[in-house]
N, C-alpha and C. Protein backbone atom coordinates (compact mmCIF):
# COMPACT_ATOMS: atom_id res chain seq x y z
N MET A 1 -20.38 -27.68 -24.83
CA MET A 1 -18.82 -27.12 -25.04
C MET A 1 -17.95 -27.75 -26.04
N ASN A 2 -17.53 -27.26 -26.43
CA ASN A 2 -16.68 -28.16 -27.86
C ASN A 2 -15.52 -28.35 -26.87
N VAL A 3 -14.73 -29.76 -27.22
CA VAL A 3 -13.67 -29.97 -26.55
C VAL A 3 -12.52 -28.98 -27.11
N SER A 4 -12.62 -28.65 -27.92
CA SER A 4 -11.26 -27.88 -28.10
C SER A 4 -10.99 -26.44 -27.82
N THR A 5 -12.32 -26.06 -27.33
CA THR A 5 -11.85 -24.86 -26.57
C THR A 5 -11.75 -24.38 -24.79
N VAL A 6 -11.50 -25.91 -24.61
CA VAL A 6 -10.23 -25.95 -23.35
C VAL A 6 -9.30 -26.87 -23.52
N PRO A 7 -8.39 -25.79 -22.88
CA PRO A 7 -7.29 -26.25 -23.43
C PRO A 7 -6.67 -27.15 -22.13
N GLU A 8 -5.46 -27.91 -22.91
CA GLU A 8 -4.99 -29.13 -22.39
C GLU A 8 -3.69 -28.41 -21.44
N GLY A 9 -2.99 -29.39 -20.89
CA GLY A 9 -1.41 -28.84 -20.22
C GLY A 9 -1.86 -29.02 -18.97
N PRO A 10 -0.74 -27.88 -18.66
CA PRO A 10 -0.58 -28.06 -17.04
C PRO A 10 -2.10 -27.11 -16.54
N HIS A 11 -2.28 -26.30 -17.26
CA HIS A 11 -3.46 -25.32 -16.88
C HIS A 11 -4.76 -26.08 -17.50
N THR A 12 -5.90 -26.19 -16.68
CA THR A 12 -7.05 -26.35 -17.62
C THR A 12 -8.23 -25.67 -16.90
N GLY A 13 -9.25 -26.16 -17.32
CA GLY A 13 -10.54 -25.12 -17.10
C GLY A 13 -10.45 -23.55 -17.47
N VAL A 14 -10.79 -23.00 -15.92
CA VAL A 14 -10.83 -21.57 -16.30
C VAL A 14 -9.38 -21.45 -16.04
N ASP A 15 -8.35 -21.86 -15.39
CA ASP A 15 -7.36 -21.25 -15.26
C ASP A 15 -6.69 -21.52 -16.35
N GLY A 16 -6.79 -22.14 -17.33
CA GLY A 16 -6.08 -22.44 -18.35
C GLY A 16 -6.26 -21.62 -19.60
N LEU A 17 -7.60 -21.47 -19.26
CA LEU A 17 -8.56 -20.47 -20.76
C LEU A 17 -7.89 -19.29 -20.30
N CYS A 18 -7.98 -18.59 -18.56
CA CYS A 18 -7.10 -17.62 -18.62
C CYS A 18 -5.56 -17.10 -19.38
N GLU A 19 -5.08 -18.37 -18.87
CA GLU A 19 -3.57 -18.28 -19.41
C GLU A 19 -3.65 -18.24 -20.70
N HIS A 20 -4.56 -19.12 -21.60
CA HIS A 20 -4.52 -18.43 -23.04
C HIS A 20 -4.45 -17.34 -23.26
N ILE A 21 -5.73 -16.41 -22.86
CA ILE A 21 -6.16 -15.35 -22.82
C ILE A 21 -4.52 -14.08 -22.54
N ARG A 22 -4.08 -14.33 -21.44
CA ARG A 22 -2.90 -13.57 -21.22
C ARG A 22 -1.60 -13.54 -22.23
N GLY A 23 -1.35 -15.16 -22.55
CA GLY A 23 -0.23 -15.16 -23.28
C GLY A 23 0.18 -14.66 -24.36
N PRO A 24 -1.31 -14.65 -25.40
CA PRO A 24 -0.92 -14.14 -26.66
C PRO A 24 -1.21 -12.46 -26.60
N LEU A 25 -2.11 -12.10 -25.45
CA LEU A 25 -2.21 -10.51 -25.16
C LEU A 25 -0.78 -10.02 -24.99
N ALA A 26 -0.03 -10.82 -23.84
CA ALA A 26 1.28 -10.35 -23.55
C ALA A 26 2.62 -10.42 -24.80
N ALA A 27 2.50 -10.66 -25.87
CA ALA A 27 3.06 -11.14 -26.93
C ALA A 27 2.96 -10.04 -27.79
N TRP A 28 1.65 -9.48 -27.86
CA TRP A 28 1.33 -8.02 -28.81
C TRP A 28 1.23 -7.03 -27.82
N VAL A 29 0.13 -7.24 -27.17
CA VAL A 29 -0.16 -5.66 -26.83
C VAL A 29 0.87 -4.37 -25.94
N PRO A 30 1.97 -5.21 -25.60
CA PRO A 30 2.63 -3.82 -25.05
C PRO A 30 3.67 -3.56 -26.13
N ARG A 31 3.68 -4.12 -27.30
CA ARG A 31 4.40 -3.49 -28.66
C ARG A 31 3.29 -2.65 -29.20
N ILE A 32 2.29 -3.32 -29.40
CA ILE A 32 1.04 -2.19 -30.27
C ILE A 32 0.57 -1.16 -29.22
N LEU A 33 -0.18 -1.34 -28.01
CA LEU A 33 -0.83 -0.80 -27.27
C LEU A 33 0.07 -0.09 -26.38
N GLY A 34 1.29 -0.46 -25.46
CA GLY A 34 1.95 0.12 -24.72
C GLY A 34 1.52 -0.51 -23.35
N VAL A 35 0.37 -1.33 -23.38
CA VAL A 35 -0.08 -2.10 -22.02
C VAL A 35 0.55 -3.13 -21.43
N HIS A 36 0.83 -3.16 -19.88
CA HIS A 36 1.95 -3.76 -19.48
C HIS A 36 0.74 -5.18 -19.16
N VAL A 37 1.35 -5.95 -19.62
CA VAL A 37 0.17 -7.43 -19.26
C VAL A 37 1.30 -8.42 -17.86
N HIS A 38 0.43 -8.23 -17.37
CA HIS A 38 1.13 -9.44 -16.08
C HIS A 38 1.38 -10.78 -16.23
N ARG A 39 2.37 -11.17 -15.51
CA ARG A 39 2.78 -12.74 -15.52
C ARG A 39 1.71 -13.53 -15.68
N SER A 40 0.65 -13.58 -14.75
CA SER A 40 -0.44 -14.34 -14.67
C SER A 40 -1.52 -14.08 -14.18
N LEU A 41 -2.49 -14.49 -14.28
CA LEU A 41 -3.84 -13.84 -13.68
C LEU A 41 -4.48 -14.95 -13.00
N ALA A 42 -5.12 -14.35 -12.05
CA ALA A 42 -5.85 -15.27 -10.80
C ALA A 42 -7.69 -15.46 -11.49
N GLY A 43 -8.07 -16.07 -12.46
CA GLY A 43 -9.40 -16.02 -12.57
C GLY A 43 -9.79 -14.82 -13.68
N PRO A 44 -11.64 -15.11 -13.56
CA PRO A 44 -11.88 -14.27 -14.56
C PRO A 44 -12.02 -12.35 -13.89
N VAL A 45 -11.56 -12.19 -12.63
CA VAL A 45 -11.86 -11.04 -12.68
C VAL A 45 -10.37 -10.31 -13.43
N GLU A 46 -9.34 -10.79 -13.14
CA GLU A 46 -8.46 -10.46 -13.49
C GLU A 46 -8.21 -10.31 -14.84
N VAL A 47 -9.29 -11.11 -15.87
CA VAL A 47 -9.13 -11.38 -17.45
C VAL A 47 -9.44 -10.15 -17.43
N ALA A 48 -10.84 -9.77 -17.09
CA ALA A 48 -12.12 -8.91 -17.44
C ALA A 48 -11.32 -7.60 -16.67
N HIS A 49 -10.56 -7.40 -15.98
CA HIS A 49 -9.84 -6.00 -15.84
C HIS A 49 -8.29 -5.77 -17.39
N LEU A 50 -7.98 -6.83 -17.27
CA LEU A 50 -7.29 -6.91 -18.53
C LEU A 50 -7.66 -6.52 -20.27
N VAL A 51 -8.37 -7.40 -20.26
CA VAL A 51 -9.45 -6.89 -22.03
C VAL A 51 -10.01 -6.08 -21.70
N GLY A 52 -10.61 -5.45 -20.29
CA GLY A 52 -11.07 -3.88 -20.61
C GLY A 52 -9.84 -2.87 -20.63
N THR A 53 -9.04 -3.07 -19.75
CA THR A 53 -7.84 -2.46 -20.17
C THR A 53 -7.22 -2.14 -21.51
N VAL A 54 -7.02 -3.45 -22.18
CA VAL A 54 -6.38 -3.14 -23.28
C VAL A 54 -7.80 -2.70 -24.74
N ALA A 55 -8.84 -2.98 -24.11
CA ALA A 55 -9.53 -2.19 -25.17
C ALA A 55 -10.13 -0.72 -25.17
N ASP A 56 -9.68 -0.59 -23.94
CA ASP A 56 -9.55 1.42 -23.74
C ASP A 56 -8.19 1.75 -24.46
N ALA A 57 -7.33 0.74 -24.35
CA ALA A 57 -6.00 1.59 -24.55
C ALA A 57 -6.27 1.46 -26.18
N ALA A 58 -6.82 0.42 -26.84
CA ALA A 58 -7.03 0.58 -28.25
C ALA A 58 -7.98 1.90 -28.71
N GLU A 59 -8.53 2.32 -27.99
CA GLU A 59 -9.52 3.38 -28.47
C GLU A 59 -8.71 5.05 -28.89
N VAL A 60 -7.04 4.65 -28.21
CA VAL A 60 -6.96 5.94 -28.13
C VAL A 60 -5.36 5.68 -28.84
N THR A 61 -5.45 4.97 -29.59
CA THR A 61 -4.02 4.12 -29.85
C THR A 61 -4.19 3.99 -31.67
N ILE A 62 -3.47 4.56 -32.35
CA ILE A 62 -3.09 4.88 -33.94
C ILE A 62 -2.97 3.09 -34.13
N LEU A 63 -4.12 2.05 -34.82
CA LEU A 63 -3.85 0.93 -34.79
C LEU A 63 -3.25 0.20 -36.34
N PRO A 64 -2.45 -0.29 -36.70
CA PRO A 64 -2.12 -0.70 -37.76
C PRO A 64 -3.18 -1.34 -38.70
N GLY A 65 -3.01 -1.47 -40.17
CA GLY A 65 -4.59 -2.19 -40.26
C GLY A 65 -4.88 -0.96 -41.67
N GLY A 66 -4.41 0.24 -42.21
CA GLY A 66 -4.27 0.83 -43.14
C GLY A 66 -5.70 1.34 -43.27
N ASP A 67 -6.06 1.71 -44.43
CA ASP A 67 -7.41 2.21 -44.86
C ASP A 67 -8.92 1.61 -44.98
N ASP A 68 -8.31 0.18 -44.66
CA ASP A 68 -10.00 -0.87 -45.11
C ASP A 68 -10.49 -1.19 -43.47
N GLY A 69 -10.02 -0.23 -43.06
CA GLY A 69 -10.79 -0.36 -41.61
C GLY A 69 -10.81 -1.51 -40.15
N ASP A 70 -9.75 -2.10 -40.77
CA ASP A 70 -8.93 -3.32 -39.69
C ASP A 70 -8.65 -2.78 -38.34
N GLY A 71 -8.11 -1.76 -37.92
CA GLY A 71 -8.13 -1.15 -36.42
C GLY A 71 -9.33 -1.07 -35.90
N ASP A 72 -10.50 -0.75 -36.79
CA ASP A 72 -11.86 -0.78 -36.14
C ASP A 72 -12.40 -1.38 -35.30
N ILE A 73 -12.36 -2.68 -36.71
CA ILE A 73 -12.23 -4.04 -36.66
C ILE A 73 -11.78 -4.66 -35.47
N ALA A 74 -10.49 -4.83 -34.90
CA ALA A 74 -10.05 -5.01 -33.76
C ALA A 74 -10.22 -3.98 -32.79
N ARG A 75 -10.80 -3.04 -32.29
CA ARG A 75 -11.57 -2.21 -31.59
C ARG A 75 -12.36 -2.90 -31.02
N GLU A 76 -13.91 -3.17 -31.84
CA GLU A 76 -14.94 -3.89 -32.39
C GLU A 76 -14.68 -5.11 -31.55
N GLU A 77 -13.92 -5.92 -31.92
CA GLU A 77 -13.41 -7.90 -31.05
C GLU A 77 -13.02 -7.39 -29.93
N LEU A 78 -12.25 -6.35 -29.20
CA LEU A 78 -11.38 -6.01 -28.43
C LEU A 78 -12.56 -5.69 -27.37
N HIS A 79 -13.80 -4.61 -27.57
CA HIS A 79 -14.62 -4.31 -27.00
C HIS A 79 -15.52 -5.26 -26.43
N ALA A 80 -15.94 -6.14 -27.63
CA ALA A 80 -16.63 -7.48 -27.33
C ALA A 80 -16.04 -8.40 -26.32
N ALA A 81 -14.89 -8.47 -26.40
CA ALA A 81 -13.96 -9.35 -25.85
C ALA A 81 -13.97 -8.55 -23.98
N ALA A 82 -14.09 -7.37 -24.20
CA ALA A 82 -14.05 -7.49 -22.44
C ALA A 82 -15.45 -7.54 -21.99
N ARG A 83 -16.51 -7.09 -23.02
CA ARG A 83 -18.38 -7.16 -22.27
C ARG A 83 -18.18 -8.97 -21.70
N ARG A 84 -17.68 -9.88 -22.74
CA ARG A 84 -17.59 -11.07 -22.39
C ARG A 84 -17.30 -11.51 -21.27
N ALA A 85 -16.06 -11.00 -21.14
CA ALA A 85 -14.98 -10.89 -20.33
C ALA A 85 -16.02 -10.52 -18.82
N SER A 86 -16.48 -9.67 -18.25
CA SER A 86 -17.14 -9.17 -17.81
C SER A 86 -18.33 -9.89 -17.27
N ALA A 87 -18.85 -10.32 -18.42
CA ALA A 87 -20.30 -11.60 -18.48
C ALA A 87 -19.50 -12.65 -17.44
N ALA A 88 -18.63 -13.18 -17.56
CA ALA A 88 -17.40 -14.27 -17.04
C ALA A 88 -17.60 -14.33 -15.18
N VAL A 89 -17.15 -12.90 -15.27
CA VAL A 89 -17.22 -12.75 -13.60
C VAL A 89 -18.76 -12.75 -13.15
N ALA A 90 -19.72 -12.52 -13.71
CA ALA A 90 -21.21 -12.43 -13.44
C ALA A 90 -21.59 -13.89 -13.30
N GLU A 91 -21.08 -14.61 -13.95
CA GLU A 91 -21.67 -16.11 -14.00
C GLU A 91 -21.18 -17.20 -12.73
N PRO A 92 -22.06 -18.36 -11.99
CA PRO A 92 -21.34 -18.51 -11.16
C PRO A 92 -20.67 -19.58 -12.01
N SER A 93 -19.45 -20.28 -11.42
CA SER A 93 -18.21 -21.41 -11.58
C SER A 93 -19.01 -22.31 -12.81
N GLY A 94 -18.11 -23.01 -13.63
CA GLY A 94 -18.81 -23.85 -14.41
C GLY A 94 -18.85 -23.76 -15.55
N THR A 95 -19.55 -24.29 -16.51
CA THR A 95 -19.61 -24.03 -18.04
C THR A 95 -19.88 -23.16 -18.34
N ALA A 96 -20.81 -22.23 -17.66
CA ALA A 96 -20.99 -20.51 -18.71
C ALA A 96 -19.91 -19.78 -18.20
N VAL A 97 -18.98 -20.20 -17.39
CA VAL A 97 -17.76 -19.40 -17.51
C VAL A 97 -16.59 -19.67 -18.32
N LEU A 98 -16.61 -20.83 -17.94
CA LEU A 98 -15.68 -21.65 -19.58
C LEU A 98 -16.14 -20.89 -20.91
N ALA A 99 -17.61 -20.99 -21.10
CA ALA A 99 -17.78 -20.03 -22.39
C ALA A 99 -17.55 -19.06 -22.59
N GLU A 100 -17.74 -18.42 -21.93
CA GLU A 100 -17.57 -16.97 -21.65
C GLU A 100 -15.90 -16.63 -22.05
N LEU A 101 -15.61 -17.06 -21.23
CA LEU A 101 -13.53 -17.14 -21.72
C LEU A 101 -13.39 -17.63 -22.72
N ALA A 102 -13.90 -18.46 -23.50
CA ALA A 102 -13.58 -18.86 -24.50
C ALA A 102 -14.10 -17.99 -25.67
N ALA A 103 -15.30 -17.38 -25.26
CA ALA A 103 -15.33 -16.36 -26.26
C ALA A 103 -14.69 -15.17 -26.39
N VAL A 104 -13.71 -15.37 -25.34
CA VAL A 104 -13.02 -13.92 -24.77
C VAL A 104 -11.84 -14.32 -25.75
N ARG A 105 -11.22 -15.16 -25.59
CA ARG A 105 -9.81 -16.02 -26.27
C ARG A 105 -10.34 -15.61 -28.09
N ALA A 106 -11.39 -16.14 -28.09
CA ALA A 106 -11.83 -16.14 -29.51
C ALA A 106 -11.70 -14.30 -30.00
N GLY A 107 -12.14 -13.79 -29.42
CA GLY A 107 -12.62 -12.21 -29.49
C GLY A 107 -11.03 -11.79 -29.54
N CYS A 108 -10.36 -11.79 -29.17
CA CYS A 108 -8.86 -11.37 -28.39
C CYS A 108 -8.18 -11.97 -30.05
N ARG A 109 -8.06 -13.18 -30.43
CA ARG A 109 -7.58 -13.67 -31.34
C ARG A 109 -8.16 -13.10 -32.62
N ARG A 110 -9.24 -12.58 -32.99
CA ARG A 110 -10.00 -11.96 -33.88
C ARG A 110 -9.40 -11.07 -34.27
N ALA A 111 -9.07 -10.17 -32.78
CA ALA A 111 -8.38 -8.99 -32.77
C ALA A 111 -6.90 -8.52 -33.27
N ALA A 112 -6.02 -10.01 -32.86
CA ALA A 112 -4.91 -9.97 -33.17
C ALA A 112 -5.33 -9.96 -35.14
N VAL A 113 -5.73 -11.09 -35.57
CA VAL A 113 -5.90 -11.39 -37.15
C VAL A 113 -6.25 -9.71 -37.36
N ALA A 114 -7.33 -9.49 -37.67
CA ALA A 114 -7.42 -7.87 -38.07
C ALA A 114 -6.32 -7.14 -38.11
N LEU A 115 -5.36 -7.08 -36.81
CA LEU A 115 -4.38 -6.18 -36.89
C LEU A 115 -2.62 -7.00 -37.84
N GLY A 116 -3.17 -8.05 -38.34
CA GLY A 116 -2.31 -8.68 -39.12
C GLY A 116 -1.43 -9.34 -38.76
N LEU A 117 -1.44 -9.34 -36.91
CA LEU A 117 -0.75 -10.27 -36.08
C LEU A 117 -0.72 -11.91 -36.51
N PRO A 118 0.72 -12.37 -36.19
CA PRO A 118 0.14 -13.87 -36.55
C PRO A 118 -0.43 -14.44 -35.57
N VAL A 119 -1.48 -15.72 -35.95
CA VAL A 119 -1.94 -16.56 -34.49
C VAL A 119 -1.95 -17.76 -34.85
N PRO A 120 -1.26 -18.37 -34.02
CA PRO A 120 -1.09 -20.03 -34.23
C PRO A 120 -2.19 -20.54 -34.18
N VAL A 121 -2.98 -21.49 -35.26
CA VAL A 121 -4.09 -22.49 -34.83
C VAL A 121 -3.46 -24.01 -34.42
N THR A 122 -4.37 -23.78 -32.98
CA THR A 122 -4.41 -25.15 -32.24
C THR A 122 -5.24 -25.95 -32.21
N LEU A 123 -5.47 -27.26 -32.66
CA LEU A 123 -6.63 -27.76 -32.44
C LEU A 123 -6.53 -28.79 -31.65
């Protein structure tokens, strides 16, 4: 696993990745999809529920992006992220969960980029 995939700061490991998924979603999902994002998440099960709900909401919402299919790309990324979040729940704790959650975070970021939303770069 790449060192940059595991967040640093007050939340590290699984908790940190859950927060790094929740935080950015909380910034744009309520405005675009109308889905409420809770203040904190307690692990992969809640992340899987959140990302699954976001992906479902994207199916019934007209997404920005114009005629070039960016809304479709965002939907695909969110559904892929939801599948990875569900896979994280099925994994035993450890590196496999971190890898799945890192993939979830990346998919959610790609969905935001497809919708034309600013995504900060973290190194």
